[in-house]
Amino acid sequence: MTLLIATFLTVFLLAFQQQNVVHGHYALAAITSFLIATAQFAMIRGVSTGEPWEFVWMGLGGACGVTLSMAAHRKFIKRKAHDR
């Protein structure tokens, strides 16, 4: 379960970061970079102590992370642009 959560967060943040960079959101990109480092640390620690079959959790976490990140960024940025 740790690998699912850590991979979810890593992929979610990486996808969110990509959108920040593409759209020129400098402050969000800086904050997200720190969070990515934290999530990757947890993921690497989980992989180093995990079982070989736990790639299934990582795949599931990554798939959910990327799709939810795309939706969250679109909603967050749309709301932010609408508030201006």
PDB file of N, CA and C in Angstrom:
ATOM      1  N   MET A   1       0.818  -1.191   0.000  1.00  0.00           N
ATOM      2  CA  MET A   1       0.000   0.000   0.000  1.00  0.00           C
ATOM      3  C   MET A   1       0.869   1.265   0.000  1.00  0.00           C
ATOM      4  N   THR A   2       2.013   1.202   0.659  1.00  0.00           N
ATOM      5  CA  THR A   2       2.923   2.350   0.679  1.00  0.00           C
ATOM      6  C   THR A   2       3.380   2.700  -0.731  1.00  0.00           C
ATOM      7  N   LEU A   3       3.684   1.690  -1.528  1.00  0.00           N
ATOM      8  CA  LEU A   3       4.136   1.957  -2.893  1.00  0.00           C
ATOM      9  C   LEU A   3       3.021   2.534  -3.753  1.00  0.00           C
ATOM     10  N   LEU A   4       1.802   2.111  -3.546  1.00  0.00           N
ATOM     11  CA  LEU A   4       0.679   2.678  -4.290  1.00  0.00           C
ATOM     12  C   LEU A   4       0.571   4.176  -4.003  1.00  0.00           C
ATOM     13  N   ILE A   5       0.596   4.544  -2.734  1.00  0.00           N
ATOM     14  CA  ILE A   5       0.453   5.948  -2.348  1.00  0.00           C
ATOM     15  C   ILE A   5       1.650   6.773  -2.808  1.00  0.00           C
ATOM     16  N   ALA A   6       2.851   6.255  -2.588  1.00  0.00           N
ATOM     17  CA  ALA A   6       4.057   6.998  -2.967  1.00  0.00           C
ATOM     18  C   ALA A   6       4.141   7.180  -4.483  1.00  0.00           C
ATOM     19  N   THR A   7       3.799   6.145  -5.235  1.00  0.00           N
ATOM     20  CA  THR A   7       3.831   6.259  -6.694  1.00  0.00           C
ATOM     21  C   THR A   7       2.716   7.176  -7.183  1.00  0.00           C
ATOM     22  N   PHE A   8       1.547   7.058  -6.590  1.00  0.00           N
ATOM     23  CA  PHE A   8       0.448   7.959  -6.937  1.00  0.00           C
ATOM     24  C   PHE A   8       0.896   9.411  -6.770  1.00  0.00           C
ATOM     25  N   LEU A   9       1.450   9.730  -5.611  1.00  0.00           N
ATOM     26  CA  LEU A   9       1.875  11.108  -5.355  1.00  0.00           C
ATOM     27  C   LEU A   9       2.987  11.548  -6.297  1.00  0.00           C
ATOM     28  N   THR A  10       3.955  10.675  -6.542  1.00  0.00           N
ATOM     29  CA  THR A  10       5.058  11.027  -7.441  1.00  0.00           C
ATOM     30  C   THR A  10       4.541  11.343  -8.836  1.00  0.00           C
ATOM     31  N   VAL A  11       3.743  10.452  -9.395  1.00  0.00           N
ATOM     32  CA  VAL A  11       3.239  10.657 -10.758  1.00  0.00           C
ATOM     33  C   VAL A  11       2.259  11.823 -10.810  1.00  0.00           C
ATOM     34  N   PHE A  12       1.399  11.943  -9.804  1.00  0.00           N
ATOM     35  CA  PHE A  12       0.469  13.074  -9.741  1.00  0.00           C
ATOM     36  C   PHE A  12       1.248  14.390  -9.778  1.00  0.00           C
ATOM     37  N   LEU A  13       2.260  14.492  -8.943  1.00  0.00           N
ATOM     38  CA  LEU A  13       3.042  15.725  -8.865  1.00  0.00           C
ATOM     39  C   LEU A  13       3.867  15.970 -10.123  1.00  0.00           C
ATOM     40  N   LEU A  14       4.416  14.927 -10.714  1.00  0.00           N
ATOM     41  CA  LEU A  14       5.177  15.101 -11.957  1.00  0.00           C
ATOM     42  C   LEU A  14       4.281  15.603 -13.088  1.00  0.00           C
ATOM     43  N   ALA A  15       3.093  15.044 -13.204  1.00  0.00           N
ATOM     44  CA  ALA A  15       2.161  15.492 -14.244  1.00  0.00           C
ATOM     45  C   ALA A  15       1.694  16.919 -13.962  1.00  0.00           C
ATOM     46  N   PHE A  16       1.429  17.225 -12.698  1.00  0.00           N
ATOM     47  CA  PHE A  16       1.023  18.577 -12.314  1.00  0.00           C
ATOM     48  C   PHE A  16       2.150  19.564 -12.614  1.00  0.00           C
ATOM     49  N   GLN A  17       3.370  19.138 -12.329  1.00  0.00           N
ATOM     50  CA  GLN A  17       4.538  19.980 -12.588  1.00  0.00           C
ATOM     51  C   GLN A  17       4.688  20.279 -14.082  1.00  0.00           C
ATOM     52  N   GLN A  18       4.478  19.278 -14.890  1.00  0.00           N
ATOM     53  CA  GLN A  18       4.578  19.476 -16.337  1.00  0.00           C
ATOM     54  C   GLN A  18       3.612  20.564 -16.789  1.00  0.00           C
ATOM     55  N   GLN A  19       2.399  20.525 -16.270  1.00  0.00           N
ATOM     56  CA  GLN A  19       1.413  21.542 -16.624  1.00  0.00           C
ATOM     57  C   GLN A  19       1.827  22.923 -16.092  1.00  0.00           C
ATOM     58  N   ASN A  20       2.412  22.958 -14.895  1.00  0.00           N
ATOM     59  CA  ASN A  20       2.906  24.234 -14.359  1.00  0.00           C
ATOM     60  C   ASN A  20       3.960  24.846 -15.274  1.00  0.00           C
ATOM     61  N   VAL A  21       4.875  24.025 -15.739  1.00  0.00           N
ATOM     62  CA  VAL A  21       5.954  24.507 -16.603  1.00  0.00           C
ATOM     63  C   VAL A  21       5.392  24.981 -17.939  1.00  0.00           C
ATOM     64  N   VAL A  22       4.525  24.183 -18.535  1.00  0.00           N
ATOM     65  CA  VAL A  22       3.942  24.532 -19.834  1.00  0.00           C
ATOM     66  C   VAL A  22       3.194  25.859 -19.755  1.00  0.00           C
ATOM     67  N   HIS A  23       2.485  26.081 -18.663  1.00  0.00           N
ATOM     68  CA  HIS A  23       1.659  27.278 -18.525  1.00  0.00           C
ATOM     69  C   HIS A  23       2.373  28.428 -17.817  1.00  0.00           C
ATOM     70  N   GLY A  24       3.647  28.243 -17.458  1.00  0.00           N
ATOM     71  CA  GLY A  24       4.434  29.320 -16.878  1.00  0.00           C
ATOM     72  C   GLY A  24       4.074  29.707 -15.456  1.00  0.00           C
ATOM     73  N   HIS A  25       3.679  28.745 -14.648  1.00  0.00           N
ATOM     74  CA  HIS A  25       3.333  29.006 -13.244  1.00  0.00           C
ATOM     75  C   HIS A  25       4.581  28.774 -12.386  1.00  0.00           C
ATOM     76  N   TYR A  26       5.398  29.807 -12.256  1.00  0.00           N
ATOM     77  CA  TYR A  26       6.702  29.689 -11.602  1.00  0.00           C
ATOM     78  C   TYR A  26       6.602  29.312 -10.123  1.00  0.00           C
ATOM     79  N   ALA A  27       5.759  29.979  -9.365  1.00  0.00           N
ATOM     80  CA  ALA A  27       5.650  29.696  -7.932  1.00  0.00           C
ATOM     81  C   ALA A  27       5.144  28.269  -7.692  1.00  0.00           C
ATOM     82  N   LEU A  28       4.118  27.870  -8.437  1.00  0.00           N
ATOM     83  CA  LEU A  28       3.611  26.502  -8.294  1.00  0.00           C
ATOM     84  C   LEU A  28       4.674  25.476  -8.682  1.00  0.00           C
ATOM     85  N   ALA A  29       5.458  25.788  -9.703  1.00  0.00           N
ATOM     86  CA  ALA A  29       6.518  24.867 -10.132  1.00  0.00           C
ATOM     87  C   ALA A  29       7.562  24.689  -9.035  1.00  0.00           C
ATOM     88  N   ALA A  30       7.910  25.771  -8.359  1.00  0.00           N
ATOM     89  CA  ALA A  30       8.904  25.689  -7.281  1.00  0.00           C
ATOM     90  C   ALA A  30       8.383  24.851  -6.112  1.00  0.00           C
ATOM     91  N   ILE A  31       7.147  25.085  -5.724  1.00  0.00           N
ATOM     92  CA  ILE A  31       6.552  24.326  -4.618  1.00  0.00           C
ATOM     93  C   ILE A  31       6.419  22.857  -4.992  1.00  0.00           C
ATOM     94  N   THR A  32       5.959  22.600  -6.200  1.00  0.00           N
ATOM     95  CA  THR A  32       5.764  21.222  -6.655  1.00  0.00           C
ATOM     96  C   THR A  32       7.087  20.466  -6.708  1.00  0.00           C
ATOM     97  N   SER A  33       8.172  21.133  -7.065  1.00  0.00           N
ATOM     98  CA  SER A  33       9.488  20.475  -7.115  1.00  0.00           C
ATOM     99  C   SER A  33       9.884  19.907  -5.765  1.00  0.00           C
ATOM    100  N   PHE A  34       9.653  20.678  -4.711  1.00  0.00           N
ATOM    101  CA  PHE A  34       9.965  20.196  -3.367  1.00  0.00           C
ATOM    102  C   PHE A  34       9.100  18.986  -3.012  1.00  0.00           C
ATOM    103  N   LEU A  35       7.827  19.049  -3.339  1.00  0.00           N
ATOM    104  CA  LEU A  35       6.919  17.938  -3.047  1.00  0.00           C
ATOM    105  C   LEU A  35       7.288  16.686  -3.844  1.00  0.00           C
ATOM    106  N   ILE A  36       7.751  16.875  -5.086  1.00  0.00           N
ATOM    107  CA  ILE A  36       8.191  15.735  -5.905  1.00  0.00           C
ATOM    108  C   ILE A  36       9.361  15.028  -5.234  1.00  0.00           C
ATOM    109  N   ALA A  37      10.316  15.794  -4.748  1.00  0.00           N
ATOM    110  CA  ALA A  37      11.476  15.194  -4.073  1.00  0.00           C
ATOM    111  C   ALA A  37      11.041  14.364  -2.870  1.00  0.00           C
ATOM    112  N   THR A  38      10.092  14.876  -2.112  1.00  0.00           N
ATOM    113  CA  THR A  38       9.592  14.156  -0.940  1.00  0.00           C
ATOM    114  C   THR A  38       8.889  12.860  -1.345  1.00  0.00           C
ATOM    115  N   ALA A  39       8.043  12.935  -2.364  1.00  0.00           N
ATOM    116  CA  ALA A  39       7.319  11.742  -2.826  1.00  0.00           C
ATOM    117  C   ALA A  39       8.269  10.708  -3.412  1.00  0.00           C
ATOM    118  N   GLN A  40       9.280  11.167  -4.153  1.00  0.00           N
ATOM    119  CA  GLN A  40      10.241  10.227  -4.728  1.00  0.00           C
ATOM    120  C   GLN A  40      11.071   9.541  -3.644  1.00  0.00           C
ATOM    121  N   PHE A  41      11.401  10.270  -2.615  1.00  0.00           N
ATOM    122  CA  PHE A  41      12.133   9.662  -1.499  1.00  0.00           C
ATOM    123  C   PHE A  41      11.317   8.517  -0.904  1.00  0.00           C
ATOM    124  N   ALA A  42      10.029   8.763  -0.668  1.00  0.00           N
ATOM    125  CA  ALA A  42       9.157   7.722  -0.107  1.00  0.00           C
ATOM    126  C   ALA A  42       9.031   6.544  -1.056  1.00  0.00           C
ATOM    127  N   MET A  43       8.928   6.817  -2.360  1.00  0.00           N
ATOM    128  CA  MET A  43       8.791   5.744  -3.332  1.00  0.00           C
ATOM    129  C   MET A  43      10.069   4.897  -3.393  1.00  0.00           C
ATOM    130  N   ILE A  44      11.217   5.546  -3.430  1.00  0.00           N
ATOM    131  CA  ILE A  44      12.491   4.808  -3.485  1.00  0.00           C
ATOM    132  C   ILE A  44      12.679   3.976  -2.233  1.00  0.00           C
ATOM    133  N   ARG A  45      12.333   4.527  -1.104  1.00  0.00           N
ATOM    134  CA  ARG A  45      12.438   3.770   0.143  1.00  0.00           C
ATOM    135  C   ARG A  45      11.512   2.547   0.105  1.00  0.00           C
ATOM    136  N   GLY A  46      10.305   2.720  -0.411  1.00  0.00           N
ATOM    137  CA  GLY A  46       9.367   1.606  -0.515  1.00  0.00           C
ATOM    138  C   GLY A  46       9.829   0.526  -1.471  1.00  0.00           C
ATOM    139  N   VAL A  47      10.424   0.929  -2.585  1.00  0.00           N
ATOM    140  CA  VAL A  47      10.922  -0.032  -3.565  1.00  0.00           C
ATOM    141  C   VAL A  47      12.085  -0.835  -2.982  1.00  0.00           C
ATOM    142  N   SER A  48      12.943  -0.178  -2.226  1.00  0.00           N
ATOM    143  CA  SER A  48      14.121  -0.862  -1.696  1.00  0.00           C
ATOM    144  C   SER A  48      13.770  -1.915  -0.656  1.00  0.00           C
ATOM    145  N   THR A  49      12.615  -1.805  -0.038  1.00  0.00           N
ATOM    146  CA  THR A  49      12.214  -2.796   0.966  1.00  0.00           C
ATOM    147  C   THR A  49      11.027  -3.649   0.524  1.00  0.00           C
ATOM    148  N   GLY A  50      10.494  -3.386  -0.671  1.00  0.00           N
ATOM    149  CA  GLY A  50       9.291  -4.076  -1.145  1.00  0.00           C
ATOM    150  C   GLY A  50       9.576  -5.429  -1.772  1.00  0.00           C
ATOM    151  N   GLU A  51       8.510  -6.103  -2.107  1.00  0.00           N
ATOM    152  CA  GLU A  51       8.557  -7.394  -2.788  1.00  0.00           C
ATOM    153  C   GLU A  51       8.488  -7.175  -4.293  1.00  0.00           C
ATOM    154  N   PRO A  52       9.024  -8.110  -5.095  1.00  0.00           N
ATOM    155  CA  PRO A  52       9.046  -7.937  -6.552  1.00  0.00           C
ATOM    156  C   PRO A  52       7.673  -7.756  -7.193  1.00  0.00           C
ATOM    157  N   TRP A  53       6.643  -8.372  -6.664  1.00  0.00           N
ATOM    158  CA  TRP A  53       5.303  -8.286  -7.260  1.00  0.00           C
ATOM    159  C   TRP A  53       4.619  -6.944  -6.992  1.00  0.00           C
ATOM    160  N   GLU A  54       5.189  -6.094  -6.167  1.00  0.00           N
ATOM    161  CA  GLU A  54       4.539  -4.839  -5.796  1.00  0.00           C
ATOM    162  C   GLU A  54       4.542  -3.795  -6.916  1.00  0.00           C
ATOM    163  N   PHE A  55       5.121  -4.162  -8.063  1.00  0.00           N
ATOM    164  CA  PHE A  55       5.028  -3.280  -9.226  1.00  0.00           C
ATOM    165  C   PHE A  55       3.557  -3.051  -9.608  1.00  0.00           C
ATOM    166  N   VAL A  56       2.691  -4.004  -9.225  1.00  0.00           N
ATOM    167  CA  VAL A  56       1.268  -3.861  -9.510  1.00  0.00           C
ATOM    168  C   VAL A  56       0.723  -2.619  -8.800  1.00  0.00           C
ATOM    169  N   TRP A  57       1.082  -2.444  -7.535  1.00  0.00           N
ATOM    170  CA  TRP A  57       0.646  -1.263  -6.789  1.00  0.00           C
ATOM    171  C   TRP A  57       1.198   0.011  -7.411  1.00  0.00           C
ATOM    172  N   MET A  58       2.436  -0.059  -7.864  1.00  0.00           N
ATOM    173  CA  MET A  58       3.064   1.108  -8.478  1.00  0.00           C
ATOM    174  C   MET A  58       2.367   1.480  -9.784  1.00  0.00           C
ATOM    175  N   GLY A  59       2.020   0.474 -10.574  1.00  0.00           N
ATOM    176  CA  GLY A  59       1.313   0.729 -11.827  1.00  0.00           C
ATOM    177  C   GLY A  59      -0.055   1.337 -11.595  1.00  0.00           C
ATOM    178  N   LEU A  60      -0.755   0.804 -10.610  1.00  0.00           N
ATOM    179  CA  LEU A  60      -2.081   1.334 -10.276  1.00  0.00           C
ATOM    180  C   LEU A  60      -1.978   2.763  -9.740  1.00  0.00           C
ATOM    181  N   GLY A  61      -1.023   3.000  -8.870  1.00  0.00           N
ATOM    182  CA  GLY A  61      -0.817   4.342  -8.328  1.00  0.00           C
ATOM    183  C   GLY A  61      -0.448   5.340  -9.403  1.00  0.00           C
ATOM    184  N   GLY A  62       0.401   4.937 -10.330  1.00  0.00           N
ATOM    185  CA  GLY A  62       0.810   5.820 -11.420  1.00  0.00           C
ATOM    186  C   GLY A  62      -0.340   6.152 -12.357  1.00  0.00           C
ATOM    187  N   ALA A  63      -1.129   5.144 -12.714  1.00  0.00           N
ATOM    188  CA  ALA A  63      -2.262   5.371 -13.617  1.00  0.00           C
ATOM    189  C   ALA A  63      -3.288   6.318 -12.993  1.00  0.00           C
ATOM    190  N   CYS A  64      -3.590   6.096 -11.728  1.00  0.00           N
ATOM    191  CA  CYS A  64      -4.535   6.985 -11.036  1.00  0.00           C
ATOM    192  C   CYS A  64      -3.938   8.379 -10.850  1.00  0.00           C
ATOM    193  N   GLY A  65      -2.660   8.436 -10.529  1.00  0.00           N
ATOM    194  CA  GLY A  65      -2.003   9.714 -10.299  1.00  0.00           C
ATOM    195  C   GLY A  65      -1.996  10.617 -11.511  1.00  0.00           C
ATOM    196  N   VAL A  66      -1.663  10.073 -12.670  1.00  0.00           N
ATOM    197  CA  VAL A  66      -1.572  10.910 -13.867  1.00  0.00           C
ATOM    198  C   VAL A  66      -2.947  11.398 -14.312  1.00  0.00           C
ATOM    199  N   THR A  67      -3.949  10.534 -14.274  1.00  0.00           N
ATOM    200  CA  THR A  67      -5.264  10.966 -14.736  1.00  0.00           C
ATOM    201  C   THR A  67      -5.905  11.973 -13.776  1.00  0.00           C
ATOM    202  N   LEU A  68      -5.769  11.744 -12.489  1.00  0.00           N
ATOM    203  CA  LEU A  68      -6.328  12.696 -11.529  1.00  0.00           C
ATOM    204  C   LEU A  68      -5.567  14.021 -11.538  1.00  0.00           C
ATOM    205  N   SER A  69      -4.277  13.969 -11.786  1.00  0.00           N
ATOM    206  CA  SER A  69      -3.496  15.200 -11.861  1.00  0.00           C
ATOM    207  C   SER A  69      -3.919  16.068 -13.032  1.00  0.00           C
ATOM    208  N   MET A  70      -4.151  15.442 -14.169  1.00  0.00           N
ATOM    209  CA  MET A  70      -4.595  16.192 -15.344  1.00  0.00           C
ATOM    210  C   MET A  70      -5.930  16.883 -15.063  1.00  0.00           C
ATOM    211  N   ALA A  71      -6.845  16.165 -14.449  1.00  0.00           N
ATOM    212  CA  ALA A  71      -8.152  16.740 -14.137  1.00  0.00           C
ATOM    213  C   ALA A  71      -8.041  17.833 -13.075  1.00  0.00           C
ATOM    214  N   ALA A  72      -7.237  17.594 -12.048  1.00  0.00           N
ATOM    215  CA  ALA A  72      -7.092  18.572 -10.969  1.00  0.00           C
ATOM    216  C   ALA A  72      -6.447  19.859 -11.465  1.00  0.00           C
ATOM    217  N   HIS A  73      -5.407  19.733 -12.286  1.00  0.00           N
ATOM    218  CA  HIS A  73      -4.740  20.929 -12.791  1.00  0.00           C
ATOM    219  C   HIS A  73      -5.682  21.734 -13.669  1.00  0.00           C
ATOM    220  N   ARG A  74      -6.398  21.066 -14.533  1.00  0.00           N
ATOM    221  CA  ARG A  74      -7.346  21.754 -15.411  1.00  0.00           C
ATOM    222  C   ARG A  74      -8.398  22.490 -14.585  1.00  0.00           C
ATOM    223  N   LYS A  75      -8.929  21.829 -13.559  1.00  0.00           N
ATOM    224  CA  LYS A  75      -9.949  22.459 -12.720  1.00  0.00           C
ATOM    225  C   LYS A  75      -9.363  23.618 -11.919  1.00  0.00           C
ATOM    226  N   PHE A  76      -8.186  23.417 -11.343  1.00  0.00           N
ATOM    227  CA  PHE A  76      -7.547  24.450 -10.526  1.00  0.00           C
ATOM    228  C   PHE A  76      -7.194  25.672 -11.357  1.00  0.00           C
ATOM    229  N   ILE A  77      -6.592  25.463 -12.501  1.00  0.00           N
ATOM    230  CA  ILE A  77      -6.181  26.570 -13.366  1.00  0.00           C
ATOM    231  C   ILE A  77      -7.401  27.265 -13.963  1.00  0.00           C
ATOM    232  N   LYS A  78      -8.413  26.513 -14.332  1.00  0.00           N
ATOM    233  CA  LYS A  78      -9.632  27.102 -14.875  1.00  0.00           C
ATOM    234  C   LYS A  78     -10.295  27.996 -13.830  1.00  0.00           C
ATOM    235  N   ARG A  79     -10.363  27.536 -12.594  1.00  0.00           N
ATOM    236  CA  ARG A  79     -10.965  28.317 -11.512  1.00  0.00           C
ATOM    237  C   ARG A  79     -10.120  29.551 -11.243  1.00  0.00           C
ATOM    238  N   LYS A  80      -8.794  29.388 -11.237  1.00  0.00           N
ATOM    239  CA  LYS A  80      -7.883  30.509 -10.980  1.00  0.00           C
ATOM    240  C   LYS A  80      -8.013  31.571 -12.075  1.00  0.00           C
ATOM    241  N   ALA A  81      -8.097  31.147 -13.337  1.00  0.00           N
ATOM    242  CA  ALA A  81      -8.234  32.078 -14.446  1.00  0.00           C
ATOM    243  C   ALA A  81      -9.605  32.763 -14.407  1.00  0.00           C
ATOM    244  N   HIS A  82     -10.619  32.032 -13.984  1.00  0.00           N
ATOM    245  CA  HIS A  82     -11.977  32.578 -13.912  1.00  0.00           C
ATOM    246  C   HIS A  82     -12.084  33.638 -12.815  1.00  0.00           C
ATOM    247  N   ASP A  83     -11.315  33.471 -11.725  1.00  0.00           N
ATOM    248  CA  ASP A  83     -11.368  34.404 -10.608  1.00  0.00           C
ATOM    249  C   ASP A  83     -10.725  35.742 -10.914  1.00  0.00           C
ATOM    250  N   ARG A  84      -9.946  35.822 -11.980  1.00  0.00           N
ATOM    251  CA  ARG A  84      -9.251  37.076 -12.312  1.00  0.00           C
ATOM    252  C   ARG A  84     -10.167  38.105 -12.807  1.00  0.00           C
TER     253      ARG A  84
END
